[in-house]
Amino acid sequence: MMETVYFRLNLTVEQMHSYYQGVASQVIVRANDGRRVQFPAQWLRRFVTTGGVNGQFEMRFGDDRKLIGLRRTGD
């Protein structure tokens, strides 16, 4: 069974640099339902703009709790 988690993210370009430089490899967010969720920063690469990473996101996990999908759902 697949699980879906929604969260808002607002990371500056400077914050994203720590992920690209290898200083940080995991992102920890508070989901809309209050849960704390951790995932590999590499999943955010396709969402980086000149303003950083901003917006509302949907994350999908498989039965093994492994991340299988991440998409921006709006701003």
C-alpha atoms as a PDB file:
ATOM      1  CA  MET A   1       0.000   0.000   0.000  1.00  0.00           C
ATOM      2  CA  MET A   2       1.334   3.414  -0.944  1.00  0.00           C
ATOM      3  CA  GLU A   3       1.358   6.324   1.505  1.00  0.00           C
ATOM      4  CA  THR A   4       1.193  10.005   0.521  1.00  0.00           C
ATOM      5  CA  VAL A   5       2.535  12.899   2.582  1.00  0.00           C
ATOM      6  CA  TYR A   6       2.069  16.603   1.844  1.00  0.00           C
ATOM      7  CA  PHE A   7       4.389  19.384   3.004  1.00  0.00           C
ATOM      8  CA  ARG A   8       5.416  22.961   2.263  1.00  0.00           C
ATOM      9  CA  LEU A   9       9.066  23.766   1.622  1.00  0.00           C
ATOM     10  CA  ASN A  10      10.879  27.083   1.507  1.00  0.00           C
ATOM     11  CA  LEU A  11      14.648  26.659   1.101  1.00  0.00           C
ATOM     12  CA  THR A  12      16.901  29.504  -0.010  1.00  0.00           C
ATOM     13  CA  VAL A  13      19.625  29.100  -2.610  1.00  0.00           C
ATOM     14  CA  GLU A  14      22.184  29.309   0.214  1.00  0.00           C
ATOM     15  CA  GLN A  15      20.501  26.451   2.075  1.00  0.00           C
ATOM     16  CA  MET A  16      20.546  24.344  -1.087  1.00  0.00           C
ATOM     17  CA  HIS A  17      24.293  24.940  -1.454  1.00  0.00           C
ATOM     18  CA  SER A  18      24.923  22.870   1.683  1.00  0.00           C
ATOM     19  CA  TYR A  19      23.243  19.931  -0.019  1.00  0.00           C
ATOM     20  CA  TYR A  20      25.222  20.382  -3.241  1.00  0.00           C
ATOM     21  CA  GLN A  21      28.483  20.732  -1.291  1.00  0.00           C
ATOM     22  CA  GLY A  22      27.800  17.508   0.591  1.00  0.00           C
ATOM     23  CA  VAL A  23      27.564  19.204   3.985  1.00  0.00           C
ATOM     24  CA  ALA A  24      24.005  17.886   4.344  1.00  0.00           C
ATOM     25  CA  SER A  25      22.552  14.877   2.551  1.00  0.00           C
ATOM     26  CA  GLN A  26      19.104  14.633   4.148  1.00  0.00           C
ATOM     27  CA  VAL A  27      16.173  17.032   4.295  1.00  0.00           C
ATOM     28  CA  ILE A  28      13.865  16.958   7.297  1.00  0.00           C
ATOM     29  CA  VAL A  29      10.418  18.514   6.941  1.00  0.00           C
ATOM     30  CA  ARG A  30       7.263  18.786   9.008  1.00  0.00           C
ATOM     31  CA  ALA A  31       4.367  17.382   6.982  1.00  0.00           C
ATOM     32  CA  ASN A  32       1.014  19.158   6.851  1.00  0.00           C
ATOM     33  CA  ASP A  33      -0.382  16.527   9.240  1.00  0.00           C
ATOM     34  CA  GLY A  34       2.398  17.217  11.788  1.00  0.00           C
ATOM     35  CA  ARG A  35       4.631  14.222  11.073  1.00  0.00           C
ATOM     36  CA  ARG A  36       8.392  14.668  10.753  1.00  0.00           C
ATOM     37  CA  VAL A  37       9.643  13.236   7.451  1.00  0.00           C
ATOM     38  CA  GLN A  38      13.251  12.768   6.317  1.00  0.00           C
ATOM     39  CA  PHE A  39      14.375  12.122   2.744  1.00  0.00           C
ATOM     40  CA  PRO A  40      17.523  12.366   0.556  1.00  0.00           C
ATOM     41  CA  ALA A  41      18.252  15.925  -0.631  1.00  0.00           C
ATOM     42  CA  GLN A  42      18.973  14.657  -4.149  1.00  0.00           C
ATOM     43  CA  TRP A  43      15.195  14.375  -4.679  1.00  0.00           C
ATOM     44  CA  LEU A  44      14.978  18.184  -4.665  1.00  0.00           C
ATOM     45  CA  ARG A  45      17.474  18.867  -7.461  1.00  0.00           C
ATOM     46  CA  ARG A  46      14.890  19.138 -10.224  1.00  0.00           C
ATOM     47  CA  PHE A  47      12.917  21.722  -8.221  1.00  0.00           C
ATOM     48  CA  VAL A  48      15.764  24.185  -7.582  1.00  0.00           C
ATOM     49  CA  THR A  49      15.298  27.633  -9.105  1.00  0.00           C
ATOM     50  CA  THR A  50      17.247  30.871  -8.723  1.00  0.00           C
ATOM     51  CA  GLY A  51      15.092  31.517  -5.638  1.00  0.00           C
ATOM     52  CA  GLY A  52      15.789  28.118  -4.038  1.00  0.00           C
ATOM     53  CA  VAL A  53      13.102  25.469  -3.560  1.00  0.00           C
ATOM     54  CA  ASN A  54       9.645  26.738  -2.706  1.00  0.00           C
ATOM     55  CA  GLY A  55       6.123  25.382  -2.784  1.00  0.00           C
ATOM     56  CA  GLN A  56       3.746  22.678  -1.686  1.00  0.00           C
ATOM     57  CA  PHE A  57       4.903  19.109  -2.372  1.00  0.00           C
ATOM     58  CA  GLU A  58       3.471  15.611  -2.460  1.00  0.00           C
ATOM     59  CA  MET A  59       5.715  12.708  -1.460  1.00  0.00           C
ATOM     60  CA  ARG A  60       4.817   9.049  -2.057  1.00  0.00           C
ATOM     61  CA  PHE A  61       6.233   6.085  -0.145  1.00  0.00           C
ATOM     62  CA  GLY A  62       5.995   2.379  -0.937  1.00  0.00           C
ATOM     63  CA  ASP A  63       5.190  -0.452   1.480  1.00  0.00           C
ATOM     64  CA  ASP A  64       8.841  -0.569   2.534  1.00  0.00           C
ATOM     65  CA  ARG A  65       8.640   3.159   3.495  1.00  0.00           C
ATOM     66  CA  LYS A  66      11.039   3.954   0.653  1.00  0.00           C
ATOM     67  CA  LEU A  67      10.457   7.207  -1.237  1.00  0.00           C
ATOM     68  CA  ILE A  68       9.091   6.471  -4.700  1.00  0.00           C
ATOM     69  CA  GLY A  69       7.914   9.874  -5.885  1.00  0.00           C
ATOM     70  CA  LEU A  70       8.066  13.596  -5.204  1.00  0.00           C
ATOM     71  CA  ARG A  71       6.201  16.304  -7.061  1.00  0.00           C
ATOM     72  CA  ARG A  72       5.317  19.950  -6.577  1.00  0.00           C
ATOM     73  CA  THR A  73       1.565  20.364  -6.187  1.00  0.00           C
ATOM     74  CA  GLY A  74       1.353  24.154  -6.047  1.00  0.00           C
ATOM     75  CA  ASP A  75       2.737  27.268  -4.397  1.00  0.00           C
END
